[in-house]
Amino acid sequence: MSPAIRNEEARQAIIEAAFGLCAERGFAAVTIEGIAVRAGVGKTTIYRWWPSKAAILIEAVENARDTSAGFPDTGDIYADLIAQTASVMRMFTTEFGAIWRGLISAAQSDEAAADGVARILRVSINECVARLAKARDAGQIRADLDLELAVELIYGPIYHTWLLRTRPVPEGFMEAVLTTLLPVLRPAHSQR
């Protein structure tokens, strides 16, 4: 087996170990030592690729997010927002959600976590802005709409209820949010 394959196997084992430990124990309880033991590698191997546990988990979240939370484009902005926000909410009920919550918490005091969280969110915001711009150009939402503000209005309720645990979040939660919000986003002449 070549060193490159062995290194990639070790790298994947480290990411999986960090992801699993964080899902089981929470971000604060995860240590580089624990990750090394579970992955079957030395701490120096981990530090060769990442400066901190936050950096490992950011990479794990980026990989999970890339495969799970893309933005659909069916031509109907309402249907696409329902589908995408439902996908995000499903992710938040998995191990991914526990890890993302831990990284958001860590981002309040850990610069690596803050940078990684901001980078991941920027990708999602840009995707949503691009989809909203296409909807605006098609006349589905107001031409004068601040698209970044619209993203905050759409996703704010998810993060507020999920992070603060203000109430149970039923399956149709985002459909209700979007039904309330979309009349404000739509052009005055639009009906739905």
Protein backbone atom coordinates (compact mmCIF):
# COMPACT_ATOMS: atom_id res chain seq x y z
CA MET A 1 0.00 0.00 0.00
CA SER A 2 1.41 3.38 -1.00
CA PRO A 3 2.01 6.14 1.60
CA ALA A 4 -0.55 8.39 -0.15
CA ILE A 5 -3.32 5.79 0.28
CA ARG A 6 -2.27 5.14 3.87
CA ASN A 7 -2.30 8.91 4.55
CA GLU A 8 -5.77 9.32 3.02
CA GLU A 9 -7.04 6.39 5.08
CA ALA A 10 -5.60 7.99 8.23
CA ARG A 11 -7.09 11.35 7.30
CA GLN A 12 -10.55 9.83 6.81
CA ALA A 13 -10.23 7.86 10.06
CA ILE A 14 -9.40 11.08 11.93
CA ILE A 15 -12.39 12.94 10.44
CA GLU A 16 -14.72 10.04 11.24
CA ALA A 17 -13.33 9.72 14.77
CA ALA A 18 -13.77 13.44 15.44
CA PHE A 19 -17.29 13.40 14.00
CA GLY A 20 -18.30 10.35 16.03
CA LEU A 21 -16.82 11.59 19.30
CA CYS A 22 -18.42 15.01 18.92
CA ALA A 23 -21.81 13.46 18.15
CA GLU A 24 -21.53 11.18 21.20
CA ARG A 25 -19.96 13.50 23.76
CA GLY A 26 -20.38 17.06 22.52
CA PHE A 27 -17.79 19.46 21.19
CA ALA A 28 -16.37 20.52 24.57
CA ALA A 29 -15.59 16.93 25.61
CA VAL A 30 -13.69 16.03 22.44
CA THR A 31 -9.90 16.14 22.64
CA ILE A 32 -7.16 15.63 20.09
CA GLU A 33 -5.94 12.73 22.28
CA GLY A 34 -9.37 11.09 22.12
CA ILE A 35 -9.56 11.54 18.36
CA ALA A 36 -6.07 10.04 17.96
CA VAL A 37 -6.96 6.99 20.05
CA ARG A 38 -10.22 6.35 18.20
CA ALA A 39 -8.62 6.89 14.78
CA GLY A 40 -5.62 4.71 15.65
CA VAL A 41 -3.08 7.42 14.85
CA GLY A 42 -0.62 9.55 16.78
CA LYS A 43 -1.40 13.14 17.77
CA THR A 44 1.44 14.31 15.53
CA THR A 45 -0.40 12.85 12.53
CA ILE A 46 -3.45 14.94 13.42
CA TYR A 47 -1.45 18.12 13.95
CA ARG A 48 0.27 17.59 10.59
CA TRP A 49 -3.10 18.25 8.89
CA TRP A 50 -5.15 20.35 11.34
CA PRO A 51 -4.31 22.93 14.04
CA SER A 52 -7.28 22.05 16.28
CA LYS A 53 -10.30 19.82 16.81
CA ALA A 54 -12.45 22.67 15.46
CA ALA A 55 -10.55 22.56 12.16
CA ILE A 56 -11.12 18.79 11.86
CA LEU A 57 -14.82 19.14 12.58
CA ILE A 58 -15.18 22.08 10.19
CA GLU A 59 -13.82 19.85 7.41
CA ALA A 60 -16.23 17.08 8.44
CA VAL A 61 -19.16 19.51 8.39
CA GLU A 62 -18.11 20.94 5.01
CA ASN A 63 -18.04 17.42 3.57
CA ALA A 64 -21.44 16.52 5.07
CA ARG A 65 -22.97 19.83 4.02
CA ASP A 66 -21.70 19.51 0.45
CA THR A 67 -23.46 16.17 0.03
CA SER A 68 -26.71 17.02 1.83
CA ALA A 69 -27.78 20.64 1.57
CA GLY A 70 -27.65 21.77 -2.02
CA PHE A 71 -30.20 24.24 -3.32
CA PRO A 72 -32.83 22.90 -5.74
CA ASP A 73 -34.05 24.87 -8.73
CA THR A 74 -37.41 23.67 -10.01
CA GLY A 75 -38.41 27.12 -11.21
CA ASP A 76 -40.74 27.64 -8.23
CA ILE A 77 -39.00 29.58 -5.46
CA TYR A 78 -41.61 28.62 -2.85
CA ALA A 79 -41.24 24.89 -3.56
CA ASP A 80 -37.46 25.19 -3.65
CA LEU A 81 -37.31 27.02 -0.32
CA ILE A 82 -39.62 24.45 1.28
CA ALA A 83 -37.44 21.60 -0.02
CA GLN A 84 -34.13 23.20 0.96
CA THR A 85 -35.18 24.33 4.43
CA ALA A 86 -36.71 20.89 5.10
CA SER A 87 -33.35 19.37 4.11
CA VAL A 88 -31.52 21.69 6.53
CA MET A 89 -33.92 20.84 9.34
CA ARG A 90 -33.49 17.10 8.70
CA MET A 91 -29.70 17.54 8.88
CA PHE A 92 -30.09 19.33 12.21
CA THR A 93 -31.81 16.25 13.70
CA THR A 94 -28.84 14.00 12.84
CA GLU A 95 -25.30 13.72 14.22
CA PHE A 96 -24.48 16.61 11.91
CA GLY A 97 -26.80 18.82 13.97
CA ALA A 98 -25.04 18.02 17.23
CA ILE A 99 -21.68 18.82 15.68
CA TRP A 100 -22.89 22.00 14.00
CA ARG A 101 -24.42 23.19 17.28
CA GLY A 102 -21.08 22.52 19.02
CA LEU A 103 -19.14 24.41 16.37
CA ILE A 104 -21.50 27.38 16.52
CA SER A 105 -21.08 27.43 20.29
CA ALA A 106 -17.29 27.12 20.00
CA ALA A 107 -17.26 29.91 17.40
CA GLN A 108 -18.12 32.35 20.16
CA SER A 109 -14.62 31.96 21.64
CA ASP A 110 -12.52 29.86 19.19
CA GLU A 111 -11.19 31.75 16.15
CA ALA A 112 -10.74 28.58 14.04
CA ALA A 113 -14.34 27.56 14.72
CA ALA A 114 -15.58 31.10 14.00
CA ASP A 115 -13.72 31.25 10.67
CA GLY A 116 -14.94 27.80 9.65
CA VAL A 117 -18.56 28.45 10.62
CA ALA A 118 -18.50 31.76 8.74
CA ARG A 119 -17.00 30.07 5.66
CA ILE A 120 -19.63 27.31 5.67
CA LEU A 121 -22.47 29.79 6.19
CA ARG A 122 -21.14 32.05 3.41
CA VAL A 123 -21.40 29.15 0.92
CA SER A 124 -25.01 28.53 1.95
CA ILE A 125 -25.89 32.24 1.90
CA ASN A 126 -24.37 32.65 -1.56
CA GLU A 127 -26.34 29.67 -2.89
CA CYS A 128 -29.58 31.05 -1.48
CA VAL A 129 -28.87 34.57 -2.77
CA ALA A 130 -28.19 33.14 -6.24
CA ARG A 131 -31.48 31.20 -6.18
CA LEU A 132 -33.38 34.26 -4.91
CA ALA A 133 -31.78 36.42 -7.63
CA LYS A 134 -33.00 33.95 -10.25
CA ALA A 135 -36.49 34.09 -8.70
CA ARG A 136 -36.33 37.90 -8.69
CA ASP A 137 -35.33 37.92 -12.36
CA ALA A 138 -38.28 35.62 -13.10
CA GLY A 139 -40.65 38.00 -11.29
CA GLN A 140 -41.35 35.58 -8.42
CA ILE A 141 -40.04 37.94 -5.72
CA ARG A 142 -39.81 41.72 -5.44
CA ALA A 143 -37.21 43.48 -7.57
CA ASP A 144 -36.23 45.81 -4.71
CA LEU A 145 -35.64 43.01 -2.20
CA ASP A 146 -32.35 42.96 -0.25
CA LEU A 147 -31.47 39.32 -0.97
CA GLU A 148 -29.06 38.87 1.96
CA LEU A 149 -31.72 40.21 4.32
CA ALA A 150 -34.21 37.78 2.78
CA VAL A 151 -31.81 34.91 3.55
CA GLU A 152 -31.67 36.05 7.19
CA LEU A 153 -35.47 36.21 7.35
CA ILE A 154 -35.82 32.74 5.83
CA TYR A 155 -33.19 30.89 7.89
CA GLY A 156 -33.37 32.93 11.10
CA PRO A 157 -36.42 31.02 12.42
CA ILE A 158 -34.65 27.68 11.91
CA TYR A 159 -31.58 28.75 13.83
CA HIS A 160 -33.55 30.56 16.53
CA THR A 161 -35.79 27.61 17.39
CA TRP A 162 -33.08 24.99 16.91
CA LEU A 163 -30.20 26.67 18.75
CA LEU A 164 -32.22 28.18 21.56
CA ARG A 165 -34.66 25.26 21.75
CA THR A 166 -37.51 27.71 22.23
CA ARG A 167 -40.13 25.14 21.23
CA PRO A 168 -40.53 21.84 19.44
CA VAL A 169 -40.04 22.24 15.72
CA PRO A 170 -42.77 20.31 13.88
CA GLU A 171 -42.16 18.90 10.41
CA GLY A 172 -44.24 21.62 8.72
CA PHE A 173 -42.54 24.45 10.61
CA MET A 174 -40.74 26.01 7.65
CA GLU A 175 -43.78 25.66 5.41
CA ALA A 176 -45.68 27.79 7.96
CA VAL A 177 -42.78 30.26 8.18
CA LEU A 178 -42.52 30.59 4.41
CA THR A 179 -46.29 30.87 3.96
CA THR A 180 -46.14 33.81 6.38
CA LEU A 181 -43.02 35.35 4.83
CA LEU A 182 -43.53 34.93 1.09
CA PRO A 183 -46.35 37.49 0.72
CA VAL A 184 -43.82 40.09 1.91
CA LEU A 185 -41.22 38.84 -0.57
CA ARG A 186 -43.51 38.54 -3.59
CA PRO A 187 -44.28 41.41 -5.96
CA ALA A 188 -47.53 43.21 -5.16
CA HIS A 189 -49.23 41.85 -8.30
CA SER A 190 -48.33 38.23 -7.51
CA GLN A 191 -50.88 35.75 -6.17
CA ARG A 192 -50.29 32.44 -4.33
